[in-house]
C-alpha atoms as a PDB file:
ATOM      1  CA  MET A   1      65.258 -26.918  25.717  1.00  0.00           C
ATOM      2  CA  ASN A   2      64.603 -28.374  22.241  1.00  0.00           C
ATOM      3  CA  VAL A   3      65.820 -27.061  18.852  1.00  0.00           C
ATOM      4  CA  GLU A   4      62.533 -25.143  18.150  1.00  0.00           C
ATOM      5  CA  GLU A   5      62.737 -23.272  21.418  1.00  0.00           C
ATOM      6  CA  ALA A   6      66.380 -22.451  20.846  1.00  0.00           C
ATOM      7  CA  VAL A   7      65.593 -21.048  17.361  1.00  0.00           C
ATOM      8  CA  GLY A   8      62.710 -19.035  18.784  1.00  0.00           C
ATOM      9  CA  MET A   9      64.854 -17.544  21.570  1.00  0.00           C
ATOM     10  CA  GLU A  10      67.582 -16.574  19.086  1.00  0.00           C
ATOM     11  CA  LEU A  11      65.003 -15.088  16.661  1.00  0.00           C
ATOM     12  CA  SER A  12      63.488 -13.080  19.422  1.00  0.00           C
ATOM     13  CA  ALA A  13      66.812 -11.782  20.704  1.00  0.00           C
ATOM     14  CA  CYS A  14      67.983 -10.764  17.207  1.00  0.00           C
ATOM     15  CA  ARG A  15      64.678  -9.051  16.535  1.00  0.00           C
ATOM     16  CA  HIS A  16      64.846  -7.145  19.792  1.00  0.00           C
ATOM     17  CA  LYS A  17      68.466  -6.196  19.031  1.00  0.00           C
ATOM     18  CA  LYS A  18      67.406  -4.712  15.763  1.00  0.00           C
ATOM     19  CA  ARG A  19      64.336  -3.078  17.318  1.00  0.00           C
ATOM     20  CA  ILE A  20      61.844  -4.442  14.897  1.00  0.00           C
ATOM     21  CA  GLY A  21      58.484  -6.049  15.503  1.00  0.00           C
ATOM     22  CA  GLN A  22      57.251  -9.460  14.468  1.00  0.00           C
ATOM     23  CA  GLU A  23      55.044  -7.822  11.828  1.00  0.00           C
ATOM     24  CA  ARG A  24      57.959  -5.947  10.275  1.00  0.00           C
ATOM     25  CA  LEU A  25      60.176  -9.018  10.342  1.00  0.00           C
ATOM     26  CA  GLY A  26      57.477 -11.150   8.746  1.00  0.00           C
ATOM     27  CA  PHE A  27      56.865  -8.589   6.022  1.00  0.00           C
ATOM     28  CA  ASP A  28      60.613  -8.268   5.249  1.00  0.00           C
ATOM     29  CA  ALA A  29      60.919 -12.029   5.146  1.00  0.00           C
ATOM     30  CA  GLY A  30      57.751 -12.683   3.214  1.00  0.00           C
ATOM     31  CA  VAL A  31      56.046 -14.697   5.959  1.00  0.00           C
ATOM     32  CA  HIS A  32      52.895 -13.875   7.977  1.00  0.00           C
ATOM     33  CA  ARG A  33      53.464 -12.437  11.438  1.00  0.00           C
ATOM     34  CA  THR A  34      51.646 -15.323  13.033  1.00  0.00           C
ATOM     35  CA  CYS A  35      54.187 -17.653  11.529  1.00  0.00           C
ATOM     36  CA  VAL A  36      56.978 -15.511  13.097  1.00  0.00           C
ATOM     37  CA  SER A  37      55.061 -15.742  16.441  1.00  0.00           C
ATOM     38  CA  LEU A  38      54.746 -19.508  16.203  1.00  0.00           C
ATOM     39  CA  ILE A  39      58.439 -19.854  15.469  1.00  0.00           C
ATOM     40  CA  LYS A  40      59.363 -17.504  18.269  1.00  0.00           C
ATOM     41  CA  ARG A  41      57.311 -19.522  20.795  1.00  0.00           C
ATOM     42  CA  GLY A  42      58.793 -22.828  19.640  1.00  0.00           C
ATOM     43  CA  VAL A  43      55.373 -24.098  18.378  1.00  0.00           C
ATOM     44  CA  LYS A  44      56.423 -24.300  14.692  1.00  0.00           C
ATOM     45  CA  SER A  45      59.733 -25.350  13.199  1.00  0.00           C
ATOM     46  CA  PRO A  46      60.715 -23.219  10.216  1.00  0.00           C
ATOM     47  CA  THR A  47      61.885 -24.698   6.947  1.00  0.00           C
ATOM     48  CA  VAL A  48      65.380 -23.883   5.852  1.00  0.00           C
ATOM     49  CA  GLY A  49      64.036 -21.431   3.319  1.00  0.00           C
ATOM     50  CA  VAL A  50      62.002 -19.524   5.890  1.00  0.00           C
ATOM     51  CA  LEU A  51      64.839 -19.600   8.333  1.00  0.00           C
ATOM     52  CA  PHE A  52      67.167 -18.244   5.610  1.00  0.00           C
ATOM     53  CA  ARG A  53      64.737 -15.411   4.808  1.00  0.00           C
ATOM     54  CA  LEU A  54      64.267 -14.517   8.512  1.00  0.00           C
ATOM     55  CA  CYS A  55      68.112 -14.180   8.863  1.00  0.00           C
END
């Protein structure tokens, strides 16, 4: 497992724990839902700023 996949798994777990969808998380963090999806799948590596807003 690489860093991108680990971040994606943690993002997905936290999102499910809070019972919010990708669209809601993206809206709250100010990023597009497709960006959330790409991060979740380990395809895209978020910048520190995006990661901070997602947290």
